[in-house]
């Protein structure tokens, strides 16, 4: 399983999509839980690969500890 940070936009989202195309499960991390759930659901539904997500702000100590 691979962890992808900033998974709701930009390079993080593109990387998550590529992993899913390769049938590699991923843990998606970003600050916005609603966006994360939407991305996770879409990737899982399109490719049938398990994704999990963690809403956390990795610029804070609490965010890092949550991951």
Protein backbone atom coordinates (compact mmCIF):
# COMPACT_ATOMS: atom_id res chain seq x y z
CA UNK A 1 0.00 0.00 0.00
CA UNK A 2 1.27 3.47 -0.93
CA UNK A 3 0.57 6.74 0.87
CA UNK A 4 -0.19 9.76 -1.31
CA UNK A 5 -0.22 13.23 0.23
CA UNK A 6 -2.14 16.21 -1.16
CA UNK A 7 -4.28 13.60 -2.88
CA UNK A 8 -7.18 15.88 -3.80
CA UNK A 9 -5.41 18.02 -6.41
CA UNK A 10 -2.37 18.51 -8.60
CA UNK A 11 0.46 16.03 -8.66
CA UNK A 12 -0.89 14.12 -5.66
CA UNK A 13 -4.20 13.46 -7.40
CA UNK A 14 -2.45 12.51 -10.65
CA UNK A 15 -0.19 10.10 -8.75
CA UNK A 16 -3.16 8.53 -6.95
CA UNK A 17 -4.96 8.03 -10.29
CA UNK A 18 -1.88 6.37 -11.79
CA UNK A 19 -1.55 4.00 -8.83
CA UNK A 20 -5.18 3.02 -9.18
CA UNK A 21 -4.74 2.29 -12.91
CA UNK A 22 -1.95 -0.07 -11.88
CA UNK A 23 -4.23 -1.74 -9.30
CA UNK A 24 -2.10 -0.61 -6.37
CA UNK A 25 -3.99 0.18 -3.17
CA UNK A 26 -3.34 3.58 -1.63
CA UNK A 27 -3.86 5.65 1.48
CA UNK A 28 -4.82 9.17 0.46
CA UNK A 29 -3.98 12.09 2.74
CA UNK A 30 -5.14 15.71 2.49
CA UNK A 31 -6.79 18.33 4.68
CA UNK A 32 -10.34 18.26 3.31
CA UNK A 33 -12.22 15.12 4.38
CA UNK A 34 -15.13 15.65 1.97
CA UNK A 35 -12.83 16.00 -1.05
CA UNK A 36 -10.79 13.00 0.09
CA UNK A 37 -13.89 10.82 0.36
CA UNK A 38 -15.02 11.88 -3.11
CA UNK A 39 -11.62 11.13 -4.65
CA UNK A 40 -11.34 7.81 -2.81
CA UNK A 41 -14.84 6.73 -3.85
CA UNK A 42 -14.27 7.71 -7.48
CA UNK A 43 -10.95 5.88 -7.76
CA UNK A 44 -12.32 2.78 -6.06
CA UNK A 45 -15.44 2.72 -8.23
CA UNK A 46 -13.48 3.25 -11.48
CA UNK A 47 -10.79 0.66 -10.87
CA UNK A 48 -12.03 -1.54 -8.02
CA UNK A 49 -8.86 -1.03 -5.99
CA UNK A 50 -9.02 -0.44 -2.26
CA UNK A 51 -8.28 3.09 -1.13
CA UNK A 52 -8.36 4.48 2.36
CA UNK A 53 -8.13 8.12 3.30
CA UNK A 54 -6.99 10.20 6.25
CA UNK A 55 -7.91 13.86 6.61
CA UNK A 56 -4.89 15.57 8.16
CA UNK A 57 -2.97 18.82 7.82
CA UNK A 58 0.61 17.62 7.55
CA UNK A 59 1.95 21.12 8.21
CA UNK A 60 0.97 20.69 11.87
CA UNK A 61 2.27 18.35 14.55
CA UNK A 62 -1.26 17.11 15.28
CA UNK A 63 -1.80 16.36 11.61
CA UNK A 64 1.40 14.36 11.40
CA UNK A 65 0.51 12.47 14.57
CA UNK A 66 -2.89 11.56 13.11
CA UNK A 67 -1.24 9.87 10.17
